[in-house]
Amino acid sequence: MTGWGEQPDVAGRRIGKEGRLLLIRTLGEGGSGSIWLARDLKHERHVAIKFLHVGSLDNEAARTRFIREGRGFGQLGHENLVRVYGLGYEGDRPYLVLEFVDGQTLWDLLEERHNFEPEQALLIARDVASGLCVAHAAGVVHRDLKPANVMIRKSDRVVKVLDFGIAKDLNASTAITRIGTYIGTPAYSAPEQIVGEEIDHRTDIYALGVILYELLTGPLTLDGRQTTELFRATMKEQNIPLGDLHAQVSRPVARLIQRMTRRHKDRRPADMETVHEECTRLLGILAGDVGAADKTSIRMVLRDLFES
């Protein structure tokens, strides 16, 4: 099959049952496929269509992960996780029909703003943790959590975790990725992920700790380091300069990040629920009322993110 799904000249093509999905324009590239904006003519809503990369059609592992994302992970159902409406095929090429999120990724916002206020950063981390609590309860580890895979919707500032394309299903009877194989993004990968050991929900906790660090201090300066150098630094707990953190944020916040990014996963918070609770507690302290965090309006705290 040709790579038409990645070409700009097919805008206006209709796919799906009875041609109900009208392709409008490309949105970009995800970790496992190309993304298109489309109109679902049956439900009268905009959706995102993710096509498996043409080069992955004959890759059994990539194809299996992609289909699993549509059939299993898409059924998690949480406000902070992007919804998967369905799985379809155009010829032999699978595609996912996803919730369209009109907003910006944390990566884009970090490039524009450099960093966030502590209350904003903690609120974002709390909501990411909220969504991942549901995923982890279902036995799903994201495995590629990073600023480019977290988006904030413009209309209501809701935080959305995207792209479960390389997620691991801890309940699966057979593993797609062999032990000893690395998969992920170097700057956000936990030590056990780097060396190809067994991962679990605490691997996502590590990645969220790195994200929280970046939200508060700005993007990590990697100084052109190669992947092997990043891995070496992570294994020695030197990837994140925690020593500078205490001068920039409050001691309780610094301690939380330090716990989340510890080299040994047994020393990190026990689960994502603990991270969620700690972020909520710290938000309450910032508000001057430990009970205030549950009343915090996302729209108010994140209201200036899209204002020029």
C-alpha atoms as a PDB file:
ATOM      1  CA  MET A   1       0.000   0.000   0.000  1.00  0.00           C
ATOM      2  CA  THR A   2       1.283   3.508  -0.749  1.00  0.00           C
ATOM      3  CA  GLY A   3       1.950   6.131   1.897  1.00  0.00           C
ATOM      4  CA  TRP A   4      -1.030   8.283   0.933  1.00  0.00           C
ATOM      5  CA  GLY A   5      -1.920   8.880   4.589  1.00  0.00           C
ATOM      6  CA  GLU A   6       1.205  11.017   4.997  1.00  0.00           C
ATOM      7  CA  GLN A   7       0.701  13.053   1.804  1.00  0.00           C
ATOM      8  CA  PRO A   8      -0.967  16.506   1.793  1.00  0.00           C
ATOM      9  CA  ASP A   9      -2.812  15.916  -1.497  1.00  0.00           C
ATOM     10  CA  VAL A  10      -5.423  13.574  -0.021  1.00  0.00           C
ATOM     11  CA  ALA A  11      -7.200  16.222   2.044  1.00  0.00           C
ATOM     12  CA  GLY A  12     -10.890  15.822   1.301  1.00  0.00           C
ATOM     13  CA  ARG A  13     -10.726  12.041   1.034  1.00  0.00           C
ATOM     14  CA  ARG A  14     -13.396  10.127   2.950  1.00  0.00           C
ATOM     15  CA  ILE A  15     -12.608   6.913   4.789  1.00  0.00           C
ATOM     16  CA  GLY A  16     -14.352   4.580   7.189  1.00  0.00           C
ATOM     17  CA  LYS A  17     -17.766   2.984   7.100  1.00  0.00           C
ATOM     18  CA  GLU A  18     -19.946   4.777   4.550  1.00  0.00           C
ATOM     19  CA  GLY A  19     -17.160   7.360   4.173  1.00  0.00           C
ATOM     20  CA  ARG A  20     -18.130   9.052   7.403  1.00  0.00           C
ATOM     21  CA  LEU A  21     -14.594  10.351   8.177  1.00  0.00           C
ATOM     22  CA  LEU A  22     -13.535  13.333   6.083  1.00  0.00           C
ATOM     23  CA  LEU A  23      -9.777  13.992   6.146  1.00  0.00           C
ATOM     24  CA  ILE A  24      -9.016  17.710   6.474  1.00  0.00           C
ATOM     25  CA  ARG A  25      -5.284  18.270   7.091  1.00  0.00           C
ATOM     26  CA  THR A  26      -2.236  16.775   8.739  1.00  0.00           C
ATOM     27  CA  LEU A  27      -1.601  17.590  12.385  1.00  0.00           C
ATOM     28  CA  GLY A  28       1.838  16.054  12.743  1.00  0.00           C
ATOM     29  CA  GLU A  29       3.649  12.860  13.597  1.00  0.00           C
ATOM     30  CA  GLY A  30       3.168  10.722  16.675  1.00  0.00           C
ATOM     31  CA  GLY A  31       5.510   8.088  17.994  1.00  0.00           C
ATOM     32  CA  SER A  32       3.755   5.338  16.060  1.00  0.00           C
ATOM     33  CA  GLY A  33       1.939   7.107  13.253  1.00  0.00           C
ATOM     34  CA  SER A  34       0.927  10.181  11.312  1.00  0.00           C
ATOM     35  CA  ILE A  35      -1.947  12.273  12.683  1.00  0.00           C
ATOM     36  CA  TRP A  36      -4.739  13.864  10.639  1.00  0.00           C
ATOM     37  CA  LEU A  37      -7.539  16.211  11.575  1.00  0.00           C
ATOM     38  CA  ALA A  38     -10.833  14.835  10.291  1.00  0.00           C
ATOM     39  CA  ARG A  39     -14.542  15.454  10.538  1.00  0.00           C
ATOM     40  CA  ASP A  40     -16.761  12.662  11.810  1.00  0.00           C
ATOM     41  CA  LEU A  41     -19.803  13.325   9.658  1.00  0.00           C
ATOM     42  CA  LYS A  42     -22.014  10.892  11.565  1.00  0.00           C
ATOM     43  CA  HIS A  43     -21.407  12.389  15.013  1.00  0.00           C
ATOM     44  CA  GLU A  44     -20.763  15.923  13.728  1.00  0.00           C
ATOM     45  CA  ARG A  45     -17.491  16.424  15.560  1.00  0.00           C
ATOM     46  CA  HIS A  46     -13.827  16.882  14.767  1.00  0.00           C
ATOM     47  CA  VAL A  47     -11.585  13.901  15.487  1.00  0.00           C
ATOM     48  CA  ALA A  48      -7.929  13.030  15.092  1.00  0.00           C
ATOM     49  CA  ILE A  49      -7.018  10.073  12.878  1.00  0.00           C
ATOM     50  CA  LYS A  50      -3.740   8.291  13.584  1.00  0.00           C
ATOM     51  CA  PHE A  51      -2.440   6.056  10.794  1.00  0.00           C
ATOM     52  CA  LEU A  52       0.225   3.476  11.527  1.00  0.00           C
ATOM     53  CA  HIS A  53       3.464   4.538   9.835  1.00  0.00           C
ATOM     54  CA  VAL A  54       3.809   2.929   6.407  1.00  0.00           C
ATOM     55  CA  GLY A  55       7.249   1.671   7.352  1.00  0.00           C
ATOM     56  CA  SER A  56       5.741  -0.235  10.306  1.00  0.00           C
ATOM     57  CA  LEU A  57       3.122  -2.185   8.363  1.00  0.00           C
ATOM     58  CA  ASP A  58       5.342  -5.269   8.182  1.00  0.00           C
ATOM     59  CA  ASN A  59       6.647  -4.834  11.739  1.00  0.00           C
ATOM     60  CA  GLU A  60       4.592  -7.286  13.768  1.00  0.00           C
ATOM     61  CA  ALA A  61       5.448  -5.749  17.146  1.00  0.00           C
ATOM     62  CA  ALA A  62       4.632  -2.193  16.008  1.00  0.00           C
ATOM     63  CA  ARG A  63       1.393  -3.338  14.398  1.00  0.00           C
ATOM     64  CA  THR A  64       0.360  -5.279  17.520  1.00  0.00           C
ATOM     65  CA  ARG A  65       1.057  -2.279  19.781  1.00  0.00           C
ATOM     66  CA  PHE A  66      -0.949  -0.012  17.507  1.00  0.00           C
ATOM     67  CA  ILE A  67      -3.969  -2.315  17.442  1.00  0.00           C
ATOM     68  CA  ARG A  68      -3.735  -2.859  21.206  1.00  0.00           C
ATOM     69  CA  GLU A  69      -3.808   0.916  21.699  1.00  0.00           C
ATOM     70  CA  GLY A  70      -7.126   1.040  19.855  1.00  0.00           C
ATOM     71  CA  ARG A  71      -8.805  -2.046  21.294  1.00  0.00           C
ATOM     72  CA  GLY A  72      -7.628  -1.989  24.880  1.00  0.00           C
ATOM     73  CA  PHE A  73      -5.975   1.201  26.047  1.00  0.00           C
ATOM     74  CA  GLY A  74      -8.593   3.361  24.400  1.00  0.00           C
ATOM     75  CA  GLN A  75     -11.241   2.020  26.748  1.00  0.00           C
ATOM     76  CA  LEU A  76      -9.667   3.457  29.894  1.00  0.00           C
ATOM     77  CA  GLY A  77     -12.135   6.347  30.032  1.00  0.00           C
ATOM     78  CA  HIS A  78     -10.839   9.303  32.069  1.00  0.00           C
ATOM     79  CA  GLU A  79     -11.052  13.044  31.535  1.00  0.00           C
ATOM     80  CA  ASN A  80      -7.250  13.368  31.602  1.00  0.00           C
ATOM     81  CA  LEU A  81      -6.629  10.597  29.052  1.00  0.00           C
ATOM     82  CA  VAL A  82      -7.269  11.170  25.354  1.00  0.00           C
ATOM     83  CA  ARG A  83     -10.238   9.065  24.219  1.00  0.00           C
ATOM     84  CA  VAL A  84     -10.028   6.450  21.489  1.00  0.00           C
ATOM     85  CA  TYR A  85     -13.329   6.217  19.626  1.00  0.00           C
ATOM     86  CA  GLY A  86     -12.457   3.296  17.409  1.00  0.00           C
ATOM     87  CA  LEU A  87     -10.099   1.260  15.259  1.00  0.00           C
ATOM     88  CA  GLY A  88     -10.433   0.969  11.493  1.00  0.00           C
ATOM     89  CA  TYR A  89      -8.546  -0.128   8.391  1.00  0.00           C
ATOM     90  CA  GLU A  90      -7.851   1.579   5.098  1.00  0.00           C
ATOM     91  CA  GLY A  91      -6.760  -1.358   3.001  1.00  0.00           C
ATOM     92  CA  ASP A  92      -4.247  -3.184   5.186  1.00  0.00           C
ATOM     93  CA  ARG A  93      -3.290  -0.057   7.094  1.00  0.00           C
ATOM     94  CA  PRO A  94      -4.845   0.342  10.557  1.00  0.00           C
ATOM     95  CA  TYR A  95      -5.900   3.702  11.924  1.00  0.00           C
ATOM     96  CA  LEU A  96      -7.273   4.988  15.216  1.00  0.00           C
ATOM     97  CA  VAL A  97     -10.107   7.486  15.602  1.00  0.00           C
ATOM     98  CA  LEU A  98      -9.114   9.685  18.529  1.00  0.00           C
ATOM     99  CA  GLU A  99     -10.531  12.570  20.486  1.00  0.00           C
ATOM    100  CA  PHE A 100      -9.318  15.802  18.906  1.00  0.00           C
ATOM    101  CA  VAL A 101      -7.707  18.062  21.496  1.00  0.00           C
ATOM    102  CA  ASP A 102      -7.424  21.670  20.378  1.00  0.00           C
ATOM    103  CA  GLY A 103      -4.580  22.980  22.474  1.00  0.00           C
ATOM    104  CA  GLN A 104      -0.824  22.899  22.975  1.00  0.00           C
ATOM    105  CA  THR A 105       1.574  20.316  24.313  1.00  0.00           C
ATOM    106  CA  LEU A 106       3.640  20.998  27.409  1.00  0.00           C
ATOM    107  CA  TRP A 107       6.701  20.926  25.158  1.00  0.00           C
ATOM    108  CA  ASP A 108       5.334  23.793  23.049  1.00  0.00           C
ATOM    109  CA  LEU A 109       4.348  25.744  26.145  1.00  0.00           C
ATOM    110  CA  LEU A 110       7.764  25.208  27.744  1.00  0.00           C
ATOM    111  CA  GLU A 111       9.451  26.558  24.634  1.00  0.00           C
ATOM    112  CA  GLU A 112       7.222  29.643  24.776  1.00  0.00           C
ATOM    113  CA  ARG A 113       7.250  30.273  28.540  1.00  0.00           C
ATOM    114  CA  HIS A 114      10.401  28.480  29.747  1.00  0.00           C
ATOM    115  CA  ASN A 115       8.733  27.507  33.024  1.00  0.00           C
ATOM    116  CA  PHE A 116       5.482  27.566  35.007  1.00  0.00           C
ATOM    117  CA  GLU A 117       4.392  28.939  38.342  1.00  0.00           C
ATOM    118  CA  PRO A 118       4.531  26.283  41.120  1.00  0.00           C
ATOM    119  CA  GLU A 119       0.738  26.135  41.415  1.00  0.00           C
ATOM    120  CA  GLN A 120       0.392  25.609  37.654  1.00  0.00           C
ATOM    121  CA  ALA A 121       3.113  22.943  37.559  1.00  0.00           C
ATOM    122  CA  LEU A 122       1.646  21.012  40.485  1.00  0.00           C
ATOM    123  CA  LEU A 123      -1.858  21.196  39.041  1.00  0.00           C
ATOM    124  CA  ILE A 124      -0.655  19.804  35.700  1.00  0.00           C
ATOM    125  CA  ALA A 125       1.296  17.029  37.444  1.00  0.00           C
ATOM    126  CA  ARG A 126      -1.705  16.221  39.630  1.00  0.00           C
ATOM    127  CA  ASP A 127      -4.007  15.861  36.621  1.00  0.00           C
ATOM    128  CA  VAL A 128      -1.502  13.739  34.698  1.00  0.00           C
ATOM    129  CA  ALA A 129      -1.265  11.545  37.785  1.00  0.00           C
ATOM    130  CA  SER A 130      -5.066  11.402  37.989  1.00  0.00           C
ATOM    131  CA  GLY A 131      -5.341   9.985  34.487  1.00  0.00           C
ATOM    132  CA  LEU A 132      -2.472   7.563  34.961  1.00  0.00           C
ATOM    133  CA  CYS A 133      -4.019   6.240  38.178  1.00  0.00           C
ATOM    134  CA  VAL A 134      -6.788   4.827  35.993  1.00  0.00           C
ATOM    135  CA  ALA A 135      -4.338   3.475  33.427  1.00  0.00           C
ATOM    136  CA  HIS A 136      -2.191   1.814  36.086  1.00  0.00           C
ATOM    137  CA  ALA A 137      -5.237   0.312  37.783  1.00  0.00           C
ATOM    138  CA  ALA A 138      -5.988  -1.338  34.428  1.00  0.00           C
ATOM    139  CA  GLY A 139      -2.419  -2.651  34.233  1.00  0.00           C
ATOM    140  CA  VAL A 140      -1.268  -0.156  31.589  1.00  0.00           C
ATOM    141  CA  VAL A 141       2.120   1.590  31.861  1.00  0.00           C
ATOM    142  CA  HIS A 142       2.495   4.516  29.431  1.00  0.00           C
ATOM    143  CA  ARG A 143       6.286   4.068  29.056  1.00  0.00           C
ATOM    144  CA  ASP A 144       6.763   7.254  26.971  1.00  0.00           C
ATOM    145  CA  LEU A 145       5.498  10.020  29.235  1.00  0.00           C
ATOM    146  CA  LYS A 146       7.090  13.348  28.231  1.00  0.00           C
ATOM    147  CA  PRO A 147       6.019  16.977  27.634  1.00  0.00           C
ATOM    148  CA  ALA A 148       5.245  16.259  23.966  1.00  0.00           C
ATOM    149  CA  ASN A 149       2.702  13.638  25.077  1.00  0.00           C
ATOM    150  CA  VAL A 150       0.788  15.904  27.461  1.00  0.00           C
ATOM    151  CA  MET A 151      -1.564  18.534  26.055  1.00  0.00           C
ATOM    152  CA  ILE A 152      -3.652  21.299  27.593  1.00  0.00           C
ATOM    153  CA  ARG A 153      -6.933  22.018  25.841  1.00  0.00           C
ATOM    154  CA  LYS A 154      -7.479  25.690  25.072  1.00  0.00           C
ATOM    155  CA  SER A 155     -11.213  25.854  25.729  1.00  0.00           C
ATOM    156  CA  ASP A 156     -11.186  24.704  29.352  1.00  0.00           C
ATOM    157  CA  ARG A 157      -7.498  24.065  30.226  1.00  0.00           C
ATOM    158  CA  VAL A 158      -8.114  20.340  30.765  1.00  0.00           C
ATOM    159  CA  VAL A 159      -4.882  18.327  30.838  1.00  0.00           C
ATOM    160  CA  LYS A 160      -4.746  15.340  28.470  1.00  0.00           C
ATOM    161  CA  VAL A 161      -2.218  12.491  28.340  1.00  0.00           C
ATOM    162  CA  LEU A 162      -1.652  11.413  24.728  1.00  0.00           C
ATOM    163  CA  ASP A 163      -0.113   8.581  22.744  1.00  0.00           C
ATOM    164  CA  PHE A 164      -0.230   5.182  24.415  1.00  0.00           C
ATOM    165  CA  GLY A 165       1.449   3.810  21.298  1.00  0.00           C
ATOM    166  CA  ILE A 166       4.295   2.038  23.117  1.00  0.00           C
ATOM    167  CA  ALA A 167       2.442   1.442  26.381  1.00  0.00           C
ATOM    168  CA  LYS A 168       2.951  -1.865  28.181  1.00  0.00           C
ATOM    169  CA  ASP A 169       0.037  -4.030  29.274  1.00  0.00           C
ATOM    170  CA  LEU A 170       1.107  -5.682  32.520  1.00  0.00           C
ATOM    171  CA  ASN A 171      -1.848  -8.083  32.248  1.00  0.00           C
ATOM    172  CA  ALA A 172      -0.956  -9.368  28.777  1.00  0.00           C
ATOM    173  CA  SER A 173      -0.177 -13.067  28.613  1.00  0.00           C
ATOM    174  CA  THR A 174       2.648 -12.465  26.133  1.00  0.00           C
ATOM    175  CA  ALA A 175       5.071  -9.546  25.999  1.00  0.00           C
ATOM    176  CA  ILE A 176       5.610  -7.620  22.767  1.00  0.00           C
ATOM    177  CA  THR A 177       8.940  -6.135  23.877  1.00  0.00           C
ATOM    178  CA  ARG A 178      11.605  -8.624  24.895  1.00  0.00           C
ATOM    179  CA  ILE A 179      13.399  -8.235  28.218  1.00  0.00           C
ATOM    180  CA  GLY A 180      16.672  -6.425  27.549  1.00  0.00           C
ATOM    181  CA  THR A 181      15.195  -4.267  24.772  1.00  0.00           C
ATOM    182  CA  TYR A 182      15.087  -0.496  25.275  1.00  0.00           C
ATOM    183  CA  ILE A 183      12.040   1.504  24.179  1.00  0.00           C
ATOM    184  CA  GLY A 184      11.188   5.048  25.243  1.00  0.00           C
ATOM    185  CA  THR A 185      12.609   8.603  25.191  1.00  0.00           C
ATOM    186  CA  PRO A 186      16.087   8.890  26.771  1.00  0.00           C
ATOM    187  CA  ALA A 187      15.668  12.072  28.848  1.00  0.00           C
ATOM    188  CA  TYR A 188      12.511  10.711  30.552  1.00  0.00           C
ATOM    189  CA  SER A 189      13.456   7.037  30.853  1.00  0.00           C
ATOM    190  CA  ALA A 190      13.920   5.483  34.278  1.00  0.00           C
ATOM    191  CA  PRO A 191      17.044   3.392  34.948  1.00  0.00           C
ATOM    192  CA  GLU A 192      15.159   0.088  34.791  1.00  0.00           C
ATOM    193  CA  GLN A 193      13.788   1.109  31.386  1.00  0.00           C
ATOM    194  CA  ILE A 194      17.245   2.032  30.101  1.00  0.00           C
ATOM    195  CA  VAL A 195      18.819  -1.311  30.969  1.00  0.00           C
ATOM    196  CA  GLY A 196      15.844  -3.290  29.677  1.00  0.00           C
ATOM    197  CA  GLU A 197      14.704  -4.630  33.051  1.00  0.00           C
ATOM    198  CA  GLU A 198      11.089  -5.246  33.973  1.00  0.00           C
ATOM    199  CA  ILE A 199       9.123  -1.992  34.217  1.00  0.00           C
ATOM    200  CA  ASP A 200       5.980  -1.128  36.152  1.00  0.00           C
ATOM    201  CA  HIS A 201       3.897   1.886  37.177  1.00  0.00           C
ATOM    202  CA  ARG A 202       6.877   3.423  38.989  1.00  0.00           C
ATOM    203  CA  THR A 203       8.573   3.867  35.608  1.00  0.00           C
ATOM    204  CA  ASP A 204       5.871   6.418  34.744  1.00  0.00           C
ATOM    205  CA  ILE A 205       6.354   8.042  38.155  1.00  0.00           C
ATOM    206  CA  TYR A 206      10.004   8.667  37.278  1.00  0.00           C
ATOM    207  CA  ALA A 207       9.044  10.307  33.957  1.00  0.00           C
ATOM    208  CA  LEU A 208       6.428  12.503  35.627  1.00  0.00           C
ATOM    209  CA  GLY A 209       9.069  13.599  38.140  1.00  0.00           C
ATOM    210  CA  VAL A 210      11.296  14.755  35.284  1.00  0.00           C
ATOM    211  CA  ILE A 211       8.359  16.601  33.707  1.00  0.00           C
ATOM    212  CA  LEU A 212       7.516  18.330  37.000  1.00  0.00           C
ATOM    213  CA  TYR A 213      11.152  19.386  37.314  1.00  0.00           C
ATOM    214  CA  GLU A 214      11.070  20.911  33.821  1.00  0.00           C
ATOM    215  CA  LEU A 215       7.776  22.694  34.447  1.00  0.00           C
ATOM    216  CA  LEU A 216       9.312  24.427  37.452  1.00  0.00           C
ATOM    217  CA  THR A 217      12.836  25.131  36.224  1.00  0.00           C
ATOM    218  CA  GLY A 218      12.628  25.089  32.430  1.00  0.00           C
ATOM    219  CA  PRO A 219      13.582  22.453  29.846  1.00  0.00           C
ATOM    220  CA  LEU A 220      16.512  20.249  30.740  1.00  0.00           C
ATOM    221  CA  THR A 221      19.742  21.472  29.167  1.00  0.00           C
ATOM    222  CA  LEU A 222      21.221  18.368  27.612  1.00  0.00           C
ATOM    223  CA  ASP A 223      24.246  20.207  26.179  1.00  0.00           C
ATOM    224  CA  GLY A 224      24.292  18.049  23.074  1.00  0.00           C
ATOM    225  CA  ARG A 225      24.839  14.888  25.070  1.00  0.00           C
ATOM    226  CA  GLN A 226      24.458  11.673  23.152  1.00  0.00           C
ATOM    227  CA  THR A 227      21.984   8.998  24.208  1.00  0.00           C
ATOM    228  CA  THR A 228      24.716   6.907  25.842  1.00  0.00           C
ATOM    229  CA  GLU A 229      25.784   9.894  27.942  1.00  0.00           C
ATOM    230  CA  LEU A 230      22.187  10.531  29.009  1.00  0.00           C
ATOM    231  CA  PHE A 231      21.830   6.904  30.008  1.00  0.00           C
ATOM    232  CA  ARG A 232      25.069   6.998  31.983  1.00  0.00           C
ATOM    233  CA  ALA A 233      23.978  10.146  33.840  1.00  0.00           C
ATOM    234  CA  THR A 234      20.559   8.676  34.619  1.00  0.00           C
ATOM    235  CA  MET A 235      22.085   5.508  36.045  1.00  0.00           C
ATOM    236  CA  LYS A 236      24.157   7.717  38.375  1.00  0.00           C
ATOM    237  CA  GLU A 237      21.190   9.980  39.231  1.00  0.00           C
ATOM    238  CA  GLN A 238      22.899  12.915  37.541  1.00  0.00           C
ATOM    239  CA  ASN A 239      20.458  13.525  34.692  1.00  0.00           C
ATOM    240  CA  ILE A 240      18.495  16.032  36.782  1.00  0.00           C
ATOM    241  CA  PRO A 241      20.564  18.633  38.704  1.00  0.00           C
ATOM    242  CA  LEU A 242      18.575  18.284  41.922  1.00  0.00           C
ATOM    243  CA  GLY A 243      21.139  20.309  43.810  1.00  0.00           C
ATOM    244  CA  ASP A 244      19.924  23.462  42.060  1.00  0.00           C
ATOM    245  CA  LEU A 245      16.282  22.639  42.650  1.00  0.00           C
ATOM    246  CA  HIS A 246      16.186  23.619  46.325  1.00  0.00           C
ATOM    247  CA  ALA A 247      17.127  27.191  45.426  1.00  0.00           C
ATOM    248  CA  GLN A 248      14.235  27.516  42.970  1.00  0.00           C
ATOM    249  CA  VAL A 249      11.263  25.791  44.601  1.00  0.00           C
ATOM    250  CA  SER A 250      10.005  25.071  48.092  1.00  0.00           C
ATOM    251  CA  ARG A 251      11.610  22.247  50.031  1.00  0.00           C
ATOM    252  CA  PRO A 252       8.480  19.998  50.010  1.00  0.00           C
ATOM    253  CA  VAL A 253       8.177  20.265  46.215  1.00  0.00           C
ATOM    254  CA  ALA A 254      11.891  19.566  45.762  1.00  0.00           C
ATOM    255  CA  ARG A 255      11.585  16.512  48.016  1.00  0.00           C
ATOM    256  CA  LEU A 256       8.678  15.168  45.965  1.00  0.00           C
ATOM    257  CA  ILE A 257      10.658  15.451  42.723  1.00  0.00           C
ATOM    258  CA  GLN A 258      13.663  13.866  44.377  1.00  0.00           C
ATOM    259  CA  ARG A 259      11.570  10.901  45.525  1.00  0.00           C
ATOM    260  CA  MET A 260       9.920  10.476  42.123  1.00  0.00           C
ATOM    261  CA  THR A 261      13.243  10.400  40.248  1.00  0.00           C
ATOM    262  CA  ARG A 262      15.226   8.061  42.485  1.00  0.00           C
ATOM    263  CA  ARG A 263      17.331   5.520  40.667  1.00  0.00           C
ATOM    264  CA  HIS A 264      15.829   2.512  42.440  1.00  0.00           C
ATOM    265  CA  LYS A 265      12.109   2.214  41.800  1.00  0.00           C
ATOM    266  CA  ASP A 266      11.530   0.710  45.258  1.00  0.00           C
ATOM    267  CA  ARG A 267      12.502   4.097  46.716  1.00  0.00           C
ATOM    268  CA  ARG A 268      10.028   6.075  44.618  1.00  0.00           C
ATOM    269  CA  PRO A 269       6.424   6.712  45.728  1.00  0.00           C
ATOM    270  CA  ALA A 270       4.557   3.416  45.903  1.00  0.00           C
ATOM    271  CA  ASP A 271       1.983   4.331  43.264  1.00  0.00           C
ATOM    272  CA  MET A 272       0.605   7.184  41.180  1.00  0.00           C
ATOM    273  CA  GLU A 273      -2.207   7.680  43.669  1.00  0.00           C
ATOM    274  CA  THR A 274       0.431   8.722  46.222  1.00  0.00           C
ATOM    275  CA  VAL A 275       1.830  11.256  43.735  1.00  0.00           C
ATOM    276  CA  HIS A 276      -1.672  12.603  43.086  1.00  0.00           C
ATOM    277  CA  GLU A 277      -2.335  12.980  46.798  1.00  0.00           C
ATOM    278  CA  GLU A 278       0.992  14.704  47.412  1.00  0.00           C
ATOM    279  CA  CYS A 279       0.451  17.178  44.566  1.00  0.00           C
ATOM    280  CA  THR A 280      -3.017  17.914  45.948  1.00  0.00           C
ATOM    281  CA  ARG A 281      -1.574  18.465  49.445  1.00  0.00           C
ATOM    282  CA  LEU A 282       1.116  20.813  48.144  1.00  0.00           C
ATOM    283  CA  LEU A 283      -1.463  22.756  46.130  1.00  0.00           C
ATOM    284  CA  GLY A 284      -3.411  23.216  49.343  1.00  0.00           C
ATOM    285  CA  ILE A 285      -0.335  24.535  51.126  1.00  0.00           C
ATOM    286  CA  LEU A 286       0.278  27.041  48.322  1.00  0.00           C
ATOM    287  CA  ALA A 287      -3.357  28.135  48.594  1.00  0.00           C
ATOM    288  CA  GLY A 288      -3.038  28.505  52.365  1.00  0.00           C
ATOM    289  CA  ASP A 289      -5.688  25.856  52.955  1.00  0.00           C
ATOM    290  CA  VAL A 290      -4.992  22.132  52.789  1.00  0.00           C
ATOM    291  CA  GLY A 291      -8.575  21.580  51.675  1.00  0.00           C
ATOM    292  CA  ALA A 292      -8.522  24.245  48.976  1.00  0.00           C
ATOM    293  CA  ALA A 293      -6.841  22.188  46.270  1.00  0.00           C
ATOM    294  CA  ASP A 294      -9.965  20.173  45.490  1.00  0.00           C
ATOM    295  CA  LYS A 295     -11.791  23.447  44.833  1.00  0.00           C
ATOM    296  CA  THR A 296      -9.031  24.850  42.633  1.00  0.00           C
ATOM    297  CA  SER A 297     -10.342  25.865  39.224  1.00  0.00           C
ATOM    298  CA  ILE A 298      -8.211  24.584  36.368  1.00  0.00           C
ATOM    299  CA  ARG A 299      -9.516  27.440  34.242  1.00  0.00           C
ATOM    300  CA  MET A 300      -8.357  30.030  36.791  1.00  0.00           C
ATOM    301  CA  VAL A 301      -4.943  28.563  37.600  1.00  0.00           C
ATOM    302  CA  LEU A 302      -4.045  27.906  33.955  1.00  0.00           C
ATOM    303  CA  ARG A 303      -5.996  30.829  32.493  1.00  0.00           C
ATOM    304  CA  ASP A 304      -2.975  32.726  31.146  1.00  0.00           C
ATOM    305  CA  LEU A 305      -1.315  29.822  29.286  1.00  0.00           C
ATOM    306  CA  PHE A 306      -2.754  30.767  25.899  1.00  0.00           C
ATOM    307  CA  GLU A 307      -2.780  34.522  26.336  1.00  0.00           C
ATOM    308  CA  SER A 308      -0.201  36.481  24.362  1.00  0.00           C
END
